[in-house]
Amino acid sequence: QVQLVESGGGLVQAGGSLRLSCTASGRTFSSDVMGWFRQAPGKERDFVAAISRSGGSTYYADSVKGRFTISRDNAKNTVYLQMNSLKPEDTAVYYCAAGGLVTPKNTDYAYWGQGTQVTVSS
């Protein structure tokens, strides 16, 4: 049974930082592309970042480029999202996902975590 468990969300002031983690079990972690998505209330789930199986390639949404960094540790079955210079518009539930392609399309990811709330106050 595949499980993705996110952690690290919380409340932070604008300009602050948070690091999200997502730990996977039930699959060979290094065989999956990993992605982060987010969903604000009343909005669709949007792509944030993705990372290749080896970690050598990354892909970001324009809205987070230069502020967020995705990384992975295959020995720990964990993918991270370092979020700096946070803005109120970054407020959302953040989900990690596992898939086969480095792509921004959420339909290309087969497995999803339960999400972690990130709230950025102004």
C-alpha atoms as a PDB file:
ATOM      1  CA  GLN A   1       0.000   0.000   0.000  1.00  0.00           C
ATOM      2  CA  VAL A   2       1.446   3.315  -1.088  1.00  0.00           C
ATOM      3  CA  GLN A   3       1.511   6.035   1.506  1.00  0.00           C
ATOM      4  CA  LEU A   4       2.703   9.621   1.185  1.00  0.00           C
ATOM      5  CA  VAL A   5       2.745  11.618   4.407  1.00  0.00           C
ATOM      6  CA  GLU A   6       3.385  15.359   4.380  1.00  0.00           C
ATOM      7  CA  SER A   7       4.568  17.390   7.344  1.00  0.00           C
ATOM      8  CA  GLY A   8       6.002  20.799   8.118  1.00  0.00           C
ATOM      9  CA  GLY A   9       3.049  23.042   7.389  1.00  0.00           C
ATOM     10  CA  GLY A  10       1.962  25.801   9.712  1.00  0.00           C
ATOM     11  CA  LEU A  11       1.393  29.505  10.189  1.00  0.00           C
ATOM     12  CA  VAL A  12       4.125  31.938   9.177  1.00  0.00           C
ATOM     13  CA  GLN A  13       4.351  35.661   8.577  1.00  0.00           C
ATOM     14  CA  ALA A  14       4.894  37.061   5.115  1.00  0.00           C
ATOM     15  CA  GLY A  15       8.570  36.978   4.237  1.00  0.00           C
ATOM     16  CA  GLY A  16       9.173  33.927   6.391  1.00  0.00           C
ATOM     17  CA  SER A  17      10.168  30.379   5.508  1.00  0.00           C
ATOM     18  CA  LEU A  18       8.879  26.849   5.928  1.00  0.00           C
ATOM     19  CA  ARG A  19      10.183  23.457   4.863  1.00  0.00           C
ATOM     20  CA  LEU A  20       7.696  20.788   3.932  1.00  0.00           C
ATOM     21  CA  SER A  21       8.584  17.110   3.957  1.00  0.00           C
ATOM     22  CA  CYS A  22       6.872  14.155   2.368  1.00  0.00           C
ATOM     23  CA  THR A  23       7.876  10.626   3.307  1.00  0.00           C
ATOM     24  CA  ALA A  24       6.863   7.720   1.091  1.00  0.00           C
ATOM     25  CA  SER A  25       6.330   4.061   1.817  1.00  0.00           C
ATOM     26  CA  GLY A  26       5.000   1.063  -0.059  1.00  0.00           C
ATOM     27  CA  ARG A  27       6.930   1.724  -3.278  1.00  0.00           C
ATOM     28  CA  THR A  28      10.504   2.025  -4.444  1.00  0.00           C
ATOM     29  CA  PHE A  29      10.867   5.746  -3.856  1.00  0.00           C
ATOM     30  CA  SER A  30      13.680   6.264  -6.332  1.00  0.00           C
ATOM     31  CA  SER A  31      11.492   4.926  -9.146  1.00  0.00           C
ATOM     32  CA  ASP A  32       9.027   7.817  -8.841  1.00  0.00           C
ATOM     33  CA  VAL A  33       9.051  11.385 -10.004  1.00  0.00           C
ATOM     34  CA  MET A  34       7.847  13.487  -7.084  1.00  0.00           C
ATOM     35  CA  GLY A  35       5.798  16.645  -7.222  1.00  0.00           C
ATOM     36  CA  TRP A  36       4.284  19.256  -4.970  1.00  0.00           C
ATOM     37  CA  PHE A  37       0.886  20.822  -5.634  1.00  0.00           C
ATOM     38  CA  ARG A  38      -1.256  23.254  -3.691  1.00  0.00           C
ATOM     39  CA  GLN A  39      -4.918  24.081  -3.413  1.00  0.00           C
ATOM     40  CA  ALA A  40      -6.354  27.258  -1.971  1.00  0.00           C
ATOM     41  CA  PRO A  41     -10.003  27.416  -0.840  1.00  0.00           C
ATOM     42  CA  GLY A  42     -12.352  27.584  -3.792  1.00  0.00           C
ATOM     43  CA  LYS A  43      -9.562  27.093  -6.323  1.00  0.00           C
ATOM     44  CA  GLU A  44      -8.190  24.241  -8.378  1.00  0.00           C
ATOM     45  CA  ARG A  45      -5.168  22.227  -7.346  1.00  0.00           C
ATOM     46  CA  ASP A  46      -2.128  23.896  -8.895  1.00  0.00           C
ATOM     47  CA  PHE A  47       1.318  22.612  -9.691  1.00  0.00           C
ATOM     48  CA  VAL A  48       4.165  23.951  -7.565  1.00  0.00           C
ATOM     49  CA  ALA A  49       7.304  21.915  -8.311  1.00  0.00           C
ATOM     50  CA  ALA A  50       8.545  18.538  -9.500  1.00  0.00           C
ATOM     51  CA  ILE A  51      11.798  16.618  -9.279  1.00  0.00           C
ATOM     52  CA  SER A  52      13.167  13.740 -11.317  1.00  0.00           C
ATOM     53  CA  ARG A  53      13.974  10.310  -9.917  1.00  0.00           C
ATOM     54  CA  SER A  54      17.637  11.092  -9.347  1.00  0.00           C
ATOM     55  CA  GLY A  55      17.027  14.671  -8.247  1.00  0.00           C
ATOM     56  CA  GLY A  56      19.043  15.977 -11.159  1.00  0.00           C
ATOM     57  CA  SER A  57      16.156  17.808 -12.812  1.00  0.00           C
ATOM     58  CA  THR A  58      13.641  20.154 -11.265  1.00  0.00           C
ATOM     59  CA  TYR A  59      10.694  22.113 -12.609  1.00  0.00           C
ATOM     60  CA  TYR A  60       8.847  25.010 -10.966  1.00  0.00           C
ATOM     61  CA  ALA A  61       5.700  27.007 -11.457  1.00  0.00           C
ATOM     62  CA  ASP A  62       6.508  30.581 -12.411  1.00  0.00           C
ATOM     63  CA  SER A  63       4.778  31.832  -9.266  1.00  0.00           C
ATOM     64  CA  VAL A  64       7.329  30.137  -6.985  1.00  0.00           C
ATOM     65  CA  LYS A  65      10.483  30.187  -9.102  1.00  0.00           C
ATOM     66  CA  GLY A  66      13.366  31.703  -7.168  1.00  0.00           C
ATOM     67  CA  ARG A  67      11.568  31.348  -3.813  1.00  0.00           C
ATOM     68  CA  PHE A  68      10.880  27.610  -3.489  1.00  0.00           C
ATOM     69  CA  THR A  69      13.303  24.710  -3.835  1.00  0.00           C
ATOM     70  CA  ILE A  70      12.365  21.067  -4.268  1.00  0.00           C
ATOM     71  CA  SER A  71      14.838  18.355  -3.297  1.00  0.00           C
ATOM     72  CA  ARG A  72      14.814  14.683  -2.415  1.00  0.00           C
ATOM     73  CA  ASP A  73      16.751  12.184  -0.352  1.00  0.00           C
ATOM     74  CA  ASN A  74      16.243   8.748  -1.839  1.00  0.00           C
ATOM     75  CA  ALA A  75      17.963   7.083   1.109  1.00  0.00           C
ATOM     76  CA  LYS A  76      15.283   8.544   3.385  1.00  0.00           C
ATOM     77  CA  ASN A  77      12.356   8.118   0.949  1.00  0.00           C
ATOM     78  CA  THR A  78      11.640  11.801   1.435  1.00  0.00           C
ATOM     79  CA  VAL A  79      11.005  14.793  -0.799  1.00  0.00           C
ATOM     80  CA  TYR A  80      11.266  18.348   0.522  1.00  0.00           C
ATOM     81  CA  LEU A  81       9.911  21.733  -0.423  1.00  0.00           C
ATOM     82  CA  GLN A  82      11.875  24.642   1.002  1.00  0.00           C
ATOM     83  CA  MET A  83       9.704  27.744   0.825  1.00  0.00           C
ATOM     84  CA  ASN A  84      11.310  31.153   1.328  1.00  0.00           C
ATOM     85  CA  SER A  85       9.998  34.708   1.016  1.00  0.00           C
ATOM     86  CA  LEU A  86       6.492  33.446   1.594  1.00  0.00           C
ATOM     87  CA  LYS A  87       3.547  35.578   0.527  1.00  0.00           C
ATOM     88  CA  PRO A  88      -0.089  35.544   1.653  1.00  0.00           C
ATOM     89  CA  GLU A  89      -1.035  34.182  -1.764  1.00  0.00           C
ATOM     90  CA  ASP A  90       1.022  31.062  -0.989  1.00  0.00           C
ATOM     91  CA  THR A  91      -1.624  30.110   1.577  1.00  0.00           C
ATOM     92  CA  ALA A  92      -3.018  26.697   0.613  1.00  0.00           C
ATOM     93  CA  VAL A  93      -3.078  23.029   1.420  1.00  0.00           C
ATOM     94  CA  TYR A  94       0.116  21.550  -0.003  1.00  0.00           C
ATOM     95  CA  TYR A  95       0.112  18.009  -1.384  1.00  0.00           C
ATOM     96  CA  CYS A  96       2.951  15.788  -2.472  1.00  0.00           C
ATOM     97  CA  ALA A  97       2.432  13.323  -5.286  1.00  0.00           C
ATOM     98  CA  ALA A  98       4.278  10.464  -6.975  1.00  0.00           C
ATOM     99  CA  GLY A  99       4.244   9.839 -10.685  1.00  0.00           C
ATOM    100  CA  GLY A 100       6.166   8.811 -13.769  1.00  0.00           C
ATOM    101  CA  LEU A 101       6.880  12.092 -15.529  1.00  0.00           C
ATOM    102  CA  VAL A 102       8.315  15.471 -14.550  1.00  0.00           C
ATOM    103  CA  THR A 103       5.150  17.299 -15.489  1.00  0.00           C
ATOM    104  CA  PRO A 104       2.870  20.008 -14.074  1.00  0.00           C
ATOM    105  CA  LYS A 105      -0.265  18.001 -14.880  1.00  0.00           C
ATOM    106  CA  ASN A 106      -1.858  16.585 -11.749  1.00  0.00           C
ATOM    107  CA  THR A 107      -3.436  13.796 -13.802  1.00  0.00           C
ATOM    108  CA  ASP A 108       0.067  12.415 -14.444  1.00  0.00           C
ATOM    109  CA  TYR A 109       0.548  11.649 -10.745  1.00  0.00           C
ATOM    110  CA  ALA A 110      -0.893   8.397  -9.449  1.00  0.00           C
ATOM    111  CA  TYR A 111      -0.352   8.698  -5.710  1.00  0.00           C
ATOM    112  CA  TRP A 112      -1.154  11.584  -3.379  1.00  0.00           C
ATOM    113  CA  GLY A 113      -0.641  12.521   0.221  1.00  0.00           C
ATOM    114  CA  GLN A 114      -3.333  13.891   2.503  1.00  0.00           C
ATOM    115  CA  GLY A 115      -1.976  17.443   2.444  1.00  0.00           C
ATOM    116  CA  THR A 116      -0.560  19.895   4.938  1.00  0.00           C
ATOM    117  CA  GLN A 117      -1.884  23.405   5.564  1.00  0.00           C
ATOM    118  CA  VAL A 118       0.359  26.400   4.979  1.00  0.00           C
ATOM    119  CA  THR A 119      -0.970  29.778   6.088  1.00  0.00           C
ATOM    120  CA  VAL A 120       0.948  32.985   5.430  1.00  0.00           C
ATOM    121  CA  SER A 121      -0.235  36.039   7.325  1.00  0.00           C
ATOM    122  CA  SER A 122       0.279  39.566   6.043  1.00  0.00           C
END
